[in-house]
């Protein structure tokens, strides 16, 4: 990742020039003096126009390191929980497989289906944990390494600043000693030796000044590039993580959705089961009528009564009415006594 290369670039940019080299006879004494000088002069350092900017960068880096460390810890915890979820699905599926084997029949097959679905979800959660580690946890750890490299670069700049300040103070001291020796009769040899030493320190101070300025400019460029690229990379990082979570949750929803109809149907692996739908009239069993379930008999509806017409011997019959009269009128027997006209 590019953030890892930022750290190496910062380290290379601040360690390439090297420190200045003096050529004193007593090397150990110079080293001891130089370490003491750094300590005593650290509160009275040489100033530069970029000091305020570097102070702001240091505060920014310190706050960023705290927040990035917190986010990195949470990302690591999320990956750990995803792995625990995968293990939980595996144990869940194993328990349902064992329960289904003990039950058998249709219920056992349904329970084993549940166990198989849990195994699929366990594999999906394990793959998701690996992707979260690559897309979330590892990039934040790389950012922490880059931030640490920025801190080291700022520390090296501070060391070069202290070194340059120490040389300037030493030059001032030797200039004062040289002026005093020149004013003292008989001290020409000492004055010459002090002057040669002063020239060496002035050359070293010039090298230290150039290294200090070069280190400062490199740190500014690297920090500016880090801030620009970090903003773009952070946006892509968050988008990749969001898309990963959407994909995983959709796949989980699909897996659960495929299980529901198999559990509701009642047929597992082609086995027929009793349908819960309402039977059609053709599928219902015909019940033979008996004395118990036979409905009570109803009397037949009365025939509609036709109006009777008077029969007179002198009234001609209407055409077509003879058949109607024969079907509807009952004649009385004329042989009955007392009924003749």
C-alpha atoms as a PDB file:
ATOM      1  CA  UNK A   1       0.000   0.000   0.000  1.00  0.00           C
ATOM      2  CA  UNK A   2       1.193   3.561  -0.684  1.00  0.00           C
ATOM      3  CA  UNK A   3       0.949   4.562   2.982  1.00  0.00           C
ATOM      4  CA  UNK A   4       3.739   2.093   3.807  1.00  0.00           C
ATOM      5  CA  UNK A   5       5.960   3.694   1.173  1.00  0.00           C
ATOM      6  CA  UNK A   6       5.347   7.123   2.745  1.00  0.00           C
ATOM      7  CA  UNK A   7       7.005   5.930   5.918  1.00  0.00           C
ATOM      8  CA  UNK A   8      10.087   4.636   4.122  1.00  0.00           C
ATOM      9  CA  UNK A   9      10.315   7.865   2.098  1.00  0.00           C
ATOM     10  CA  UNK A  10      10.200   9.925   5.280  1.00  0.00           C
ATOM     11  CA  UNK A  11      12.926   7.844   6.886  1.00  0.00           C
ATOM     12  CA  UNK A  12      15.152   8.033   3.793  1.00  0.00           C
ATOM     13  CA  UNK A  13      14.605  11.763   3.392  1.00  0.00           C
ATOM     14  CA  UNK A  14      15.824  12.560   6.900  1.00  0.00           C
ATOM     15  CA  UNK A  15      18.695  10.085   7.183  1.00  0.00           C
ATOM     16  CA  UNK A  16      20.455  10.561   3.830  1.00  0.00           C
ATOM     17  CA  UNK A  17      22.556  13.648   4.552  1.00  0.00           C
ATOM     18  CA  UNK A  18      24.213  12.433   7.739  1.00  0.00           C
ATOM     19  CA  UNK A  19      25.616  14.462  10.605  1.00  0.00           C
ATOM     20  CA  UNK A  20      28.633  16.732  10.352  1.00  0.00           C
ATOM     21  CA  UNK A  21      32.074  15.322  11.183  1.00  0.00           C
ATOM     22  CA  UNK A  22      34.721  17.135  13.161  1.00  0.00           C
ATOM     23  CA  UNK A  23      38.304  15.939  13.426  1.00  0.00           C
ATOM     24  CA  UNK A  24      39.292  16.536  17.028  1.00  0.00           C
ATOM     25  CA  UNK A  25      42.043  14.620  18.739  1.00  0.00           C
ATOM     26  CA  UNK A  26      39.878  13.662  21.740  1.00  0.00           C
ATOM     27  CA  UNK A  27      36.790  12.103  20.147  1.00  0.00           C
ATOM     28  CA  UNK A  28      35.193  10.839  23.354  1.00  0.00           C
ATOM     29  CA  UNK A  29      35.477  14.265  24.935  1.00  0.00           C
ATOM     30  CA  UNK A  30      33.805  15.941  21.966  1.00  0.00           C
ATOM     31  CA  UNK A  31      30.944  13.413  22.018  1.00  0.00           C
ATOM     32  CA  UNK A  32      30.406  14.028  25.712  1.00  0.00           C
ATOM     33  CA  UNK A  33      30.442  17.769  25.205  1.00  0.00           C
ATOM     34  CA  UNK A  34      28.091  17.518  22.251  1.00  0.00           C
ATOM     35  CA  UNK A  35      25.492  15.480  24.201  1.00  0.00           C
ATOM     36  CA  UNK A  36      25.678  17.929  27.102  1.00  0.00           C
ATOM     37  CA  UNK A  37      25.373  20.872  24.718  1.00  0.00           C
ATOM     38  CA  UNK A  38      22.218  19.412  23.180  1.00  0.00           C
ATOM     39  CA  UNK A  39      20.682  19.134  26.607  1.00  0.00           C
ATOM     40  CA  UNK A  40      21.549  22.608  27.754  1.00  0.00           C
ATOM     41  CA  UNK A  41      20.635  24.355  24.510  1.00  0.00           C
ATOM     42  CA  UNK A  42      17.389  22.553  23.820  1.00  0.00           C
ATOM     43  CA  UNK A  43      15.400  25.388  25.427  1.00  0.00           C
ATOM     44  CA  UNK A  44      17.195  28.103  23.443  1.00  0.00           C
ATOM     45  CA  UNK A  45      17.172  26.853  19.868  1.00  0.00           C
ATOM     46  CA  UNK A  46      17.756  28.671  16.649  1.00  0.00           C
ATOM     47  CA  UNK A  47      14.560  29.938  15.100  1.00  0.00           C
ATOM     48  CA  UNK A  48      13.280  29.639  11.537  1.00  0.00           C
ATOM     49  CA  UNK A  49      10.228  30.972   9.650  1.00  0.00           C
ATOM     50  CA  UNK A  50       8.676  27.464   9.614  1.00  0.00           C
ATOM     51  CA  UNK A  51       8.754  26.877  13.367  1.00  0.00           C
ATOM     52  CA  UNK A  52       5.067  27.691  13.858  1.00  0.00           C
ATOM     53  CA  UNK A  53       4.117  25.421  10.974  1.00  0.00           C
ATOM     54  CA  UNK A  54       6.112  22.545  12.449  1.00  0.00           C
ATOM     55  CA  UNK A  55       4.523  23.089  15.845  1.00  0.00           C
ATOM     56  CA  UNK A  56       1.115  22.797  14.190  1.00  0.00           C
ATOM     57  CA  UNK A  57       2.215  19.624  12.384  1.00  0.00           C
ATOM     58  CA  UNK A  58       3.398  18.061  15.629  1.00  0.00           C
ATOM     59  CA  UNK A  59       0.057  18.758  17.341  1.00  0.00           C
ATOM     60  CA  UNK A  60      -1.810  17.370  14.320  1.00  0.00           C
ATOM     61  CA  UNK A  61       0.272  14.201  14.209  1.00  0.00           C
ATOM     62  CA  UNK A  62      -0.117  13.601  17.938  1.00  0.00           C
ATOM     63  CA  UNK A  63      -3.916  13.918  17.767  1.00  0.00           C
ATOM     64  CA  UNK A  64      -4.070  11.827  14.581  1.00  0.00           C
ATOM     65  CA  UNK A  65      -2.014   9.059  16.162  1.00  0.00           C
ATOM     66  CA  UNK A  66      -4.415   8.816  19.105  1.00  0.00           C
ATOM     67  CA  UNK A  67      -7.524   8.700  16.915  1.00  0.00           C
ATOM     68  CA  UNK A  68      -6.000   6.333  14.357  1.00  0.00           C
ATOM     69  CA  UNK A  69      -4.883   3.978  17.126  1.00  0.00           C
ATOM     70  CA  UNK A  70      -8.436   3.898  18.466  1.00  0.00           C
ATOM     71  CA  UNK A  71      -9.910   3.156  15.038  1.00  0.00           C
ATOM     72  CA  UNK A  72      -7.293   0.473  14.407  1.00  0.00           C
ATOM     73  CA  UNK A  73      -8.168  -1.230  17.694  1.00  0.00           C
ATOM     74  CA  UNK A  74     -11.871  -1.193  16.806  1.00  0.00           C
ATOM     75  CA  UNK A  75     -11.143  -2.608  13.337  1.00  0.00           C
ATOM     76  CA  UNK A  76      -9.114  -5.404  14.897  1.00  0.00           C
ATOM     77  CA  UNK A  77     -11.968  -6.092  17.301  1.00  0.00           C
ATOM     78  CA  UNK A  78     -14.470  -6.197  14.434  1.00  0.00           C
ATOM     79  CA  UNK A  79     -12.382  -8.762  12.567  1.00  0.00           C
ATOM     80  CA  UNK A  80     -12.102 -10.830  15.736  1.00  0.00           C
ATOM     81  CA  UNK A  81     -15.885 -10.727  16.220  1.00  0.00           C
ATOM     82  CA  UNK A  82     -16.445 -11.780  12.604  1.00  0.00           C
ATOM     83  CA  UNK A  83     -14.225 -14.799  13.173  1.00  0.00           C
ATOM     84  CA  UNK A  84     -16.122 -15.584  16.369  1.00  0.00           C
ATOM     85  CA  UNK A  85     -19.389 -15.301  14.415  1.00  0.00           C
ATOM     86  CA  UNK A  86     -18.094 -17.797  11.846  1.00  0.00           C
ATOM     87  CA  UNK A  87     -17.145 -20.205  14.620  1.00  0.00           C
ATOM     88  CA  UNK A  88     -20.562 -19.707  16.238  1.00  0.00           C
ATOM     89  CA  UNK A  89     -22.373 -20.545  12.987  1.00  0.00           C
ATOM     90  CA  UNK A  90     -20.252 -23.682  12.658  1.00  0.00           C
ATOM     91  CA  UNK A  91     -21.126 -24.863  16.173  1.00  0.00           C
ATOM     92  CA  UNK A  92     -24.765 -23.925  15.571  1.00  0.00           C
ATOM     93  CA  UNK A  93     -24.899 -26.007  12.396  1.00  0.00           C
ATOM     94  CA  UNK A  94     -23.190 -28.961  14.046  1.00  0.00           C
ATOM     95  CA  UNK A  95     -25.771 -28.956  16.847  1.00  0.00           C
ATOM     96  CA  UNK A  96     -28.664 -28.951  14.362  1.00  0.00           C
ATOM     97  CA  UNK A  97     -27.090 -31.767  12.339  1.00  0.00           C
ATOM     98  CA  UNK A  98     -26.861 -33.921  15.445  1.00  0.00           C
ATOM     99  CA  UNK A  99     -30.406 -33.056  16.484  1.00  0.00           C
ATOM    100  CA  UNK A 100     -31.725 -33.899  13.018  1.00  0.00           C
ATOM    101  CA  UNK A 101     -29.968 -37.265  13.021  1.00  0.00           C
ATOM    102  CA  UNK A 102     -31.543 -38.118  16.362  1.00  0.00           C
ATOM    103  CA  UNK A 103     -35.034 -37.123  15.214  1.00  0.00           C
ATOM    104  CA  UNK A 104     -35.193 -38.701  11.756  1.00  0.00           C
ATOM    105  CA  UNK A 105     -38.247 -38.584   9.489  1.00  0.00           C
ATOM    106  CA  UNK A 106     -39.425 -35.271   8.062  1.00  0.00           C
ATOM    107  CA  UNK A 107     -38.544 -33.236  11.149  1.00  0.00           C
ATOM    108  CA  UNK A 108     -35.017 -34.611  11.161  1.00  0.00           C
ATOM    109  CA  UNK A 109     -34.504 -33.692   7.518  1.00  0.00           C
ATOM    110  CA  UNK A 110     -35.700 -30.153   8.191  1.00  0.00           C
ATOM    111  CA  UNK A 111     -33.322 -29.804  11.127  1.00  0.00           C
ATOM    112  CA  UNK A 112     -30.436 -31.027   8.982  1.00  0.00           C
ATOM    113  CA  UNK A 113     -31.386 -28.441   6.371  1.00  0.00           C
ATOM    114  CA  UNK A 114     -31.053 -25.822   9.088  1.00  0.00           C
ATOM    115  CA  UNK A 115     -27.641 -27.200   9.997  1.00  0.00           C
ATOM    116  CA  UNK A 116     -26.506 -27.105   6.366  1.00  0.00           C
ATOM    117  CA  UNK A 117     -27.582 -23.473   6.081  1.00  0.00           C
ATOM    118  CA  UNK A 118     -25.616 -22.626   9.234  1.00  0.00           C
ATOM    119  CA  UNK A 119     -22.520 -24.294   7.731  1.00  0.00           C
ATOM    120  CA  UNK A 120     -22.881 -22.144   4.605  1.00  0.00           C
ATOM    121  CA  UNK A 121     -23.190 -19.026   6.743  1.00  0.00           C
ATOM    122  CA  UNK A 122     -20.097 -20.067   8.726  1.00  0.00           C
ATOM    123  CA  UNK A 123     -18.032 -20.244   5.525  1.00  0.00           C
ATOM    124  CA  UNK A 124     -19.402 -16.876   4.392  1.00  0.00           C
ATOM    125  CA  UNK A 125     -18.622 -15.233   7.752  1.00  0.00           C
ATOM    126  CA  UNK A 126     -15.075 -16.637   7.698  1.00  0.00           C
ATOM    127  CA  UNK A 127     -14.491 -15.250   4.198  1.00  0.00           C
ATOM    128  CA  UNK A 128     -15.961 -11.914   5.308  1.00  0.00           C
ATOM    129  CA  UNK A 129     -13.551 -11.784   8.260  1.00  0.00           C
ATOM    130  CA  UNK A 130     -10.588 -12.266   5.921  1.00  0.00           C
ATOM    131  CA  UNK A 131     -11.836  -9.503   3.633  1.00  0.00           C
ATOM    132  CA  UNK A 132     -12.362  -7.146   6.580  1.00  0.00           C
ATOM    133  CA  UNK A 133      -8.801  -7.796   7.695  1.00  0.00           C
ATOM    134  CA  UNK A 134      -7.450  -6.940   4.231  1.00  0.00           C
ATOM    135  CA  UNK A 135      -9.706  -3.940   3.580  1.00  0.00           C
ATOM    136  CA  UNK A 136      -9.935  -2.415   7.077  1.00  0.00           C
ATOM    137  CA  UNK A 137      -7.586  -3.745   9.721  1.00  0.00           C
ATOM    138  CA  UNK A 138      -4.363  -3.942   7.708  1.00  0.00           C
ATOM    139  CA  UNK A 139      -4.688  -0.463   6.090  1.00  0.00           C
ATOM    140  CA  UNK A 140      -5.146   1.221   9.468  1.00  0.00           C
ATOM    141  CA  UNK A 141      -2.049  -0.519  10.798  1.00  0.00           C
ATOM    142  CA  UNK A 142      -0.160   0.803   7.775  1.00  0.00           C
ATOM    143  CA  UNK A 143      -1.402   4.302   8.614  1.00  0.00           C
ATOM    144  CA  UNK A 144      -0.051   3.913  12.140  1.00  0.00           C
ATOM    145  CA  UNK A 145       3.349   2.970  10.718  1.00  0.00           C
ATOM    146  CA  UNK A 146       3.267   6.033   8.480  1.00  0.00           C
ATOM    147  CA  UNK A 147       2.361   8.276  11.413  1.00  0.00           C
ATOM    148  CA  UNK A 148       5.245   6.796  13.392  1.00  0.00           C
ATOM    149  CA  UNK A 149       7.563   7.548  10.466  1.00  0.00           C
ATOM    150  CA  UNK A 150       6.350  11.165  10.478  1.00  0.00           C
ATOM    151  CA  UNK A 151       7.128  11.370  14.187  1.00  0.00           C
ATOM    152  CA  UNK A 152      10.636  10.043  13.557  1.00  0.00           C
ATOM    153  CA  UNK A 153      11.122  12.591  10.775  1.00  0.00           C
ATOM    154  CA  UNK A 154      10.051  15.414  13.059  1.00  0.00           C
ATOM    155  CA  UNK A 155      12.386  14.064  15.726  1.00  0.00           C
ATOM    156  CA  UNK A 156      15.331  14.036  13.302  1.00  0.00           C
ATOM    157  CA  UNK A 157      14.574  17.597  12.284  1.00  0.00           C
ATOM    158  CA  UNK A 158      14.593  18.579  15.946  1.00  0.00           C
ATOM    159  CA  UNK A 159      17.940  16.835  16.434  1.00  0.00           C
ATOM    160  CA  UNK A 160      19.448  18.702  13.487  1.00  0.00           C
ATOM    161  CA  UNK A 161      18.065  21.927  14.876  1.00  0.00           C
ATOM    162  CA  UNK A 162      19.686  21.245  18.231  1.00  0.00           C
ATOM    163  CA  UNK A 163      22.976  20.311  16.550  1.00  0.00           C
ATOM    164  CA  UNK A 164      23.031  23.477  14.477  1.00  0.00           C
ATOM    165  CA  UNK A 165      22.203  25.584  17.527  1.00  0.00           C
ATOM    166  CA  UNK A 166      25.018  23.951  19.531  1.00  0.00           C
ATOM    167  CA  UNK A 167      27.526  24.710  16.780  1.00  0.00           C
ATOM    168  CA  UNK A 168      26.439  28.354  16.637  1.00  0.00           C
ATOM    169  CA  UNK A 169      26.900  28.714  20.369  1.00  0.00           C
ATOM    170  CA  UNK A 170      30.310  27.078  20.183  1.00  0.00           C
ATOM    171  CA  UNK A 171      31.342  29.422  17.390  1.00  0.00           C
ATOM    172  CA  UNK A 172      30.330  32.415  19.489  1.00  0.00           C
ATOM    173  CA  UNK A 173      32.382  31.126  22.408  1.00  0.00           C
ATOM    174  CA  UNK A 174      35.485  30.481  20.287  1.00  0.00           C
ATOM    175  CA  UNK A 175      35.211  33.877  18.618  1.00  0.00           C
ATOM    176  CA  UNK A 176      35.287  35.453  22.070  1.00  0.00           C
ATOM    177  CA  UNK A 177      38.306  33.361  23.072  1.00  0.00           C
ATOM    178  CA  UNK A 178      40.109  34.233  19.843  1.00  0.00           C
ATOM    179  CA  UNK A 179      39.543  37.944  20.394  1.00  0.00           C
ATOM    180  CA  UNK A 180      40.877  37.686  23.944  1.00  0.00           C
ATOM    181  CA  UNK A 181      44.001  35.729  22.876  1.00  0.00           C
ATOM    182  CA  UNK A 182      44.789  38.231  20.171  1.00  0.00           C
ATOM    183  CA  UNK A 183      44.708  40.982  22.752  1.00  0.00           C
ATOM    184  CA  UNK A 184      47.054  39.018  25.012  1.00  0.00           C
ATOM    185  CA  UNK A 185      50.790  39.373  24.252  1.00  0.00           C
ATOM    186  CA  UNK A 186      52.636  36.063  23.774  1.00  0.00           C
ATOM    187  CA  UNK A 187      49.502  34.083  22.957  1.00  0.00           C
ATOM    188  CA  UNK A 188      49.953  34.024  19.213  1.00  0.00           C
ATOM    189  CA  UNK A 189      50.271  30.233  19.066  1.00  0.00           C
ATOM    190  CA  UNK A 190      47.126  29.704  21.080  1.00  0.00           C
ATOM    191  CA  UNK A 191      45.349  32.312  19.027  1.00  0.00           C
ATOM    192  CA  UNK A 192      46.348  30.537  15.811  1.00  0.00           C
ATOM    193  CA  UNK A 193      45.146  27.157  17.134  1.00  0.00           C
ATOM    194  CA  UNK A 194      41.862  28.690  18.251  1.00  0.00           C
ATOM    195  CA  UNK A 195      41.413  30.345  14.883  1.00  0.00           C
ATOM    196  CA  UNK A 196      41.913  27.029  13.037  1.00  0.00           C
ATOM    197  CA  UNK A 197      39.443  25.351  15.337  1.00  0.00           C
ATOM    198  CA  UNK A 198      36.994  28.182  14.785  1.00  0.00           C
ATOM    199  CA  UNK A 199      37.206  27.739  11.014  1.00  0.00           C
ATOM    200  CA  UNK A 200      36.467  24.022  11.339  1.00  0.00           C
ATOM    201  CA  UNK A 201      33.397  24.744  13.478  1.00  0.00           C
ATOM    202  CA  UNK A 202      32.207  27.402  11.047  1.00  0.00           C
ATOM    203  CA  UNK A 203      32.408  24.889   8.183  1.00  0.00           C
ATOM    204  CA  UNK A 204      30.586  22.297  10.263  1.00  0.00           C
ATOM    205  CA  UNK A 205      27.921  24.831  11.171  1.00  0.00           C
ATOM    206  CA  UNK A 206      27.369  25.613   7.489  1.00  0.00           C
ATOM    207  CA  UNK A 207      26.903  21.907   6.734  1.00  0.00           C
ATOM    208  CA  UNK A 208      24.559  21.552   9.698  1.00  0.00           C
ATOM    209  CA  UNK A 209      22.542  24.550   8.532  1.00  0.00           C
ATOM    210  CA  UNK A 210      22.116  23.089   5.050  1.00  0.00           C
ATOM    211  CA  UNK A 211      21.118  19.700   6.449  1.00  0.00           C
ATOM    212  CA  UNK A 212      18.678  21.318   8.831  1.00  0.00           C
ATOM    213  CA  UNK A 213      17.046  23.332   6.033  1.00  0.00           C
ATOM    214  CA  UNK A 214      16.953  20.346   3.683  1.00  0.00           C
ATOM    215  CA  UNK A 215      15.417  18.097   6.343  1.00  0.00           C
ATOM    216  CA  UNK A 216      12.794  20.714   7.172  1.00  0.00           C
ATOM    217  CA  UNK A 217      11.728  21.093   3.545  1.00  0.00           C
ATOM    218  CA  UNK A 218      11.559  17.352   2.983  1.00  0.00           C
ATOM    219  CA  UNK A 219       9.453  16.813   6.076  1.00  0.00           C
ATOM    220  CA  UNK A 220       7.063  19.571   4.979  1.00  0.00           C
ATOM    221  CA  UNK A 221       6.671  18.025   1.515  1.00  0.00           C
ATOM    222  CA  UNK A 222       6.158  14.519   2.852  1.00  0.00           C
ATOM    223  CA  UNK A 223       3.623  15.631   5.464  1.00  0.00           C
ATOM    224  CA  UNK A 224       1.703  17.649   2.883  1.00  0.00           C
ATOM    225  CA  UNK A 225       1.604  14.669   0.521  1.00  0.00           C
ATOM    226  CA  UNK A 226       0.589  12.366   3.363  1.00  0.00           C
ATOM    227  CA  UNK A 227      -2.362  14.586   4.258  1.00  0.00           C
ATOM    228  CA  UNK A 228      -3.578  14.803   0.649  1.00  0.00           C
ATOM    229  CA  UNK A 229      -3.239  11.126  -0.161  1.00  0.00           C
ATOM    230  CA  UNK A 230      -4.589  10.057   3.231  1.00  0.00           C
ATOM    231  CA  UNK A 231      -7.855  11.886   2.571  1.00  0.00           C
ATOM    232  CA  UNK A 232      -8.375  10.108  -0.768  1.00  0.00           C
ATOM    233  CA  UNK A 233      -7.276   6.712   0.522  1.00  0.00           C
ATOM    234  CA  UNK A 234      -9.476   7.019   3.590  1.00  0.00           C
ATOM    235  CA  UNK A 235     -12.520   7.705   1.423  1.00  0.00           C
ATOM    236  CA  UNK A 236     -11.809   4.673  -0.768  1.00  0.00           C
ATOM    237  CA  UNK A 237     -11.150   2.569   2.304  1.00  0.00           C
ATOM    238  CA  UNK A 238     -14.520   3.401   3.834  1.00  0.00           C
ATOM    239  CA  UNK A 239     -16.349   2.856   0.525  1.00  0.00           C
ATOM    240  CA  UNK A 240     -14.728  -0.559   0.047  1.00  0.00           C
ATOM    241  CA  UNK A 241     -15.729  -1.583   3.550  1.00  0.00           C
ATOM    242  CA  UNK A 242     -19.320  -0.431   3.036  1.00  0.00           C
ATOM    243  CA  UNK A 243     -19.620  -2.353  -0.240  1.00  0.00           C
ATOM    244  CA  UNK A 244     -18.183  -5.452   1.417  1.00  0.00           C
ATOM    245  CA  UNK A 245     -20.737  -5.301   4.236  1.00  0.00           C
ATOM    246  CA  UNK A 246     -23.592  -4.787   1.769  1.00  0.00           C
ATOM    247  CA  UNK A 247     -22.475  -7.784  -0.287  1.00  0.00           C
ATOM    248  CA  UNK A 248     -22.096 -10.061   2.721  1.00  0.00           C
ATOM    249  CA  UNK A 249     -25.459  -9.101   4.220  1.00  0.00           C
ATOM    250  CA  UNK A 250     -27.233  -9.621   0.887  1.00  0.00           C
ATOM    251  CA  UNK A 251     -25.679 -13.058   0.528  1.00  0.00           C
ATOM    252  CA  UNK A 252     -26.786 -13.940   4.060  1.00  0.00           C
ATOM    253  CA  UNK A 253     -30.307 -12.750   3.302  1.00  0.00           C
ATOM    254  CA  UNK A 254     -30.371 -14.905   0.156  1.00  0.00           C
ATOM    255  CA  UNK A 255     -29.202 -17.977   2.053  1.00  0.00           C
ATOM    256  CA  UNK A 256     -31.854 -17.556   4.743  1.00  0.00           C
ATOM    257  CA  UNK A 257     -34.487 -16.823   2.105  1.00  0.00           C
ATOM    258  CA  UNK A 258     -33.752 -20.072   0.256  1.00  0.00           C
ATOM    259  CA  UNK A 259     -34.239 -22.031   3.472  1.00  0.00           C
ATOM    260  CA  UNK A 260     -37.689 -20.661   4.338  1.00  0.00           C
ATOM    261  CA  UNK A 261     -39.704 -22.295   1.501  1.00  0.00           C
ATOM    262  CA  UNK A 262     -37.991 -25.644   2.137  1.00  0.00           C
ATOM    263  CA  UNK A 263     -39.098 -25.551   5.758  1.00  0.00           C
ATOM    264  CA  UNK A 264     -42.613 -24.400   4.909  1.00  0.00           C
ATOM    265  CA  UNK A 265     -43.207 -26.932   2.148  1.00  0.00           C
ATOM    266  CA  UNK A 266     -43.001 -30.137   4.091  1.00  0.00           C
ATOM    267  CA  UNK A 267     -41.324 -32.005   1.256  1.00  0.00           C
ATOM    268  CA  UNK A 268     -37.634 -32.525   1.709  1.00  0.00           C
ATOM    269  CA  UNK A 269     -35.729 -34.230  -1.070  1.00  0.00           C
ATOM    270  CA  UNK A 270     -38.832 -35.179  -3.097  1.00  0.00           C
ATOM    271  CA  UNK A 271     -40.871 -36.772  -0.273  1.00  0.00           C
ATOM    272  CA  UNK A 272     -44.614 -36.115  -0.482  1.00  0.00           C
ATOM    273  CA  UNK A 273     -46.435 -34.677   2.486  1.00  0.00           C
ATOM    274  CA  UNK A 274     -49.967 -33.789   3.426  1.00  0.00           C
ATOM    275  CA  UNK A 275     -51.156 -30.609   1.770  1.00  0.00           C
ATOM    276  CA  UNK A 276     -52.679 -27.941   3.942  1.00  0.00           C
ATOM    277  CA  UNK A 277     -54.763 -26.440   1.099  1.00  0.00           C
ATOM    278  CA  UNK A 278     -58.573 -26.601   1.136  1.00  0.00           C
ATOM    279  CA  UNK A 279     -59.729 -29.781  -0.712  1.00  0.00           C
ATOM    280  CA  UNK A 280     -61.754 -29.327  -3.901  1.00  0.00           C
ATOM    281  CA  UNK A 281     -65.238 -30.819  -4.212  1.00  0.00           C
ATOM    282  CA  UNK A 282     -63.906 -33.515  -6.596  1.00  0.00           C
ATOM    283  CA  UNK A 283     -61.334 -34.607  -3.986  1.00  0.00           C
ATOM    284  CA  UNK A 284     -63.770 -34.896  -1.078  1.00  0.00           C
ATOM    285  CA  UNK A 285     -64.979 -38.379  -0.092  1.00  0.00           C
ATOM    286  CA  UNK A 286     -68.609 -39.134  -0.974  1.00  0.00           C
ATOM    287  CA  UNK A 287     -70.685 -40.148   2.060  1.00  0.00           C
ATOM    288  CA  UNK A 288     -73.408 -42.713   1.532  1.00  0.00           C
ATOM    289  CA  UNK A 289     -76.813 -41.606   2.881  1.00  0.00           C
ATOM    290  CA  UNK A 290     -78.114 -43.539   5.891  1.00  0.00           C
ATOM    291  CA  UNK A 291     -81.068 -43.262   8.213  1.00  0.00           C
ATOM    292  CA  UNK A 292     -78.990 -41.116  10.487  1.00  0.00           C
ATOM    293  CA  UNK A 293     -77.646 -38.573   8.038  1.00  0.00           C
ATOM    294  CA  UNK A 294     -80.601 -38.609   5.614  1.00  0.00           C
ATOM    295  CA  UNK A 295     -82.405 -35.262   5.614  1.00  0.00           C
ATOM    296  CA  UNK A 296     -86.080 -35.301   6.682  1.00  0.00           C
ATOM    297  CA  UNK A 297     -88.576 -35.843   3.854  1.00  0.00           C
ATOM    298  CA  UNK A 298     -90.509 -32.843   2.688  1.00  0.00           C
ATOM    299  CA  UNK A 299     -94.076 -33.069   1.339  1.00  0.00           C
ATOM    300  CA  UNK A 300     -94.357 -32.386  -2.395  1.00  0.00           C
ATOM    301  CA  UNK A 301     -95.451 -28.906  -3.296  1.00  0.00           C
ATOM    302  CA  UNK A 302     -99.165 -28.621  -4.011  1.00  0.00           C
ATOM    303  CA  UNK A 303    -100.197 -28.537  -7.655  1.00  0.00           C
ATOM    304  CA  UNK A 304    -101.540 -25.206  -8.815  1.00  0.00           C
ATOM    305  CA  UNK A 305    -105.331 -25.218  -8.891  1.00  0.00           C
ATOM    306  CA  UNK A 306    -106.992 -24.350 -12.167  1.00  0.00           C
ATOM    307  CA  UNK A 307    -110.208 -22.310 -12.074  1.00  0.00           C
ATOM    308  CA  UNK A 308    -113.259 -24.469 -12.898  1.00  0.00           C
ATOM    309  CA  UNK A 309    -115.598 -23.373 -15.602  1.00  0.00           C
ATOM    310  CA  UNK A 310    -119.396 -24.110 -15.547  1.00  0.00           C
ATOM    311  CA  UNK A 311    -120.541 -26.738 -17.905  1.00  0.00           C
ATOM    312  CA  UNK A 312    -123.731 -25.920 -19.844  1.00  0.00           C
ATOM    313  CA  UNK A 313    -125.126 -28.059 -22.591  1.00  0.00           C
ATOM    314  CA  UNK A 314    -125.992 -25.097 -24.712  1.00  0.00           C
ATOM    315  CA  UNK A 315    -122.522 -23.424 -24.505  1.00  0.00           C
ATOM    316  CA  UNK A 316    -120.158 -24.458 -27.270  1.00  0.00           C
ATOM    317  CA  UNK A 317    -116.726 -25.534 -26.190  1.00  0.00           C
ATOM    318  CA  UNK A 318    -113.717 -23.345 -27.101  1.00  0.00           C
ATOM    319  CA  UNK A 319    -111.257 -24.786 -29.595  1.00  0.00           C
ATOM    320  CA  UNK A 320    -108.373 -26.620 -27.882  1.00  0.00           C
ATOM    321  CA  UNK A 321    -110.015 -26.571 -24.531  1.00  0.00           C
ATOM    322  CA  UNK A 322    -111.265 -30.154 -24.616  1.00  0.00           C
ATOM    323  CA  UNK A 323    -107.928 -31.649 -23.837  1.00  0.00           C
ATOM    324  CA  UNK A 324    -107.382 -29.073 -21.115  1.00  0.00           C
ATOM    325  CA  UNK A 325    -110.737 -29.861 -19.597  1.00  0.00           C
ATOM    326  CA  UNK A 326    -110.143 -33.582 -19.669  1.00  0.00           C
ATOM    327  CA  UNK A 327    -106.893 -33.162 -17.804  1.00  0.00           C
ATOM    328  CA  UNK A 328    -108.167 -30.707 -15.209  1.00  0.00           C
ATOM    329  CA  UNK A 329    -111.890 -31.385 -14.601  1.00  0.00           C
ATOM    330  CA  UNK A 330    -113.200 -34.575 -13.023  1.00  0.00           C
ATOM    331  CA  UNK A 331    -116.773 -35.468 -14.107  1.00  0.00           C
ATOM    332  CA  UNK A 332    -119.179 -36.891 -11.612  1.00  0.00           C
ATOM    333  CA  UNK A 333    -121.098 -39.984 -12.340  1.00  0.00           C
ATOM    334  CA  UNK A 334    -124.488 -39.122 -13.812  1.00  0.00           C
ATOM    335  CA  UNK A 335    -126.041 -42.383 -12.666  1.00  0.00           C
ATOM    336  CA  UNK A 336    -126.025 -41.192  -9.093  1.00  0.00           C
ATOM    337  CA  UNK A 337    -129.573 -40.778  -7.804  1.00  0.00           C
ATOM    338  CA  UNK A 338    -130.947 -37.311  -7.496  1.00  0.00           C
ATOM    339  CA  UNK A 339    -128.226 -35.769  -9.631  1.00  0.00           C
ATOM    340  CA  UNK A 340    -129.984 -35.820 -13.025  1.00  0.00           C
ATOM    341  CA  UNK A 341    -131.250 -32.676 -14.623  1.00  0.00           C
END
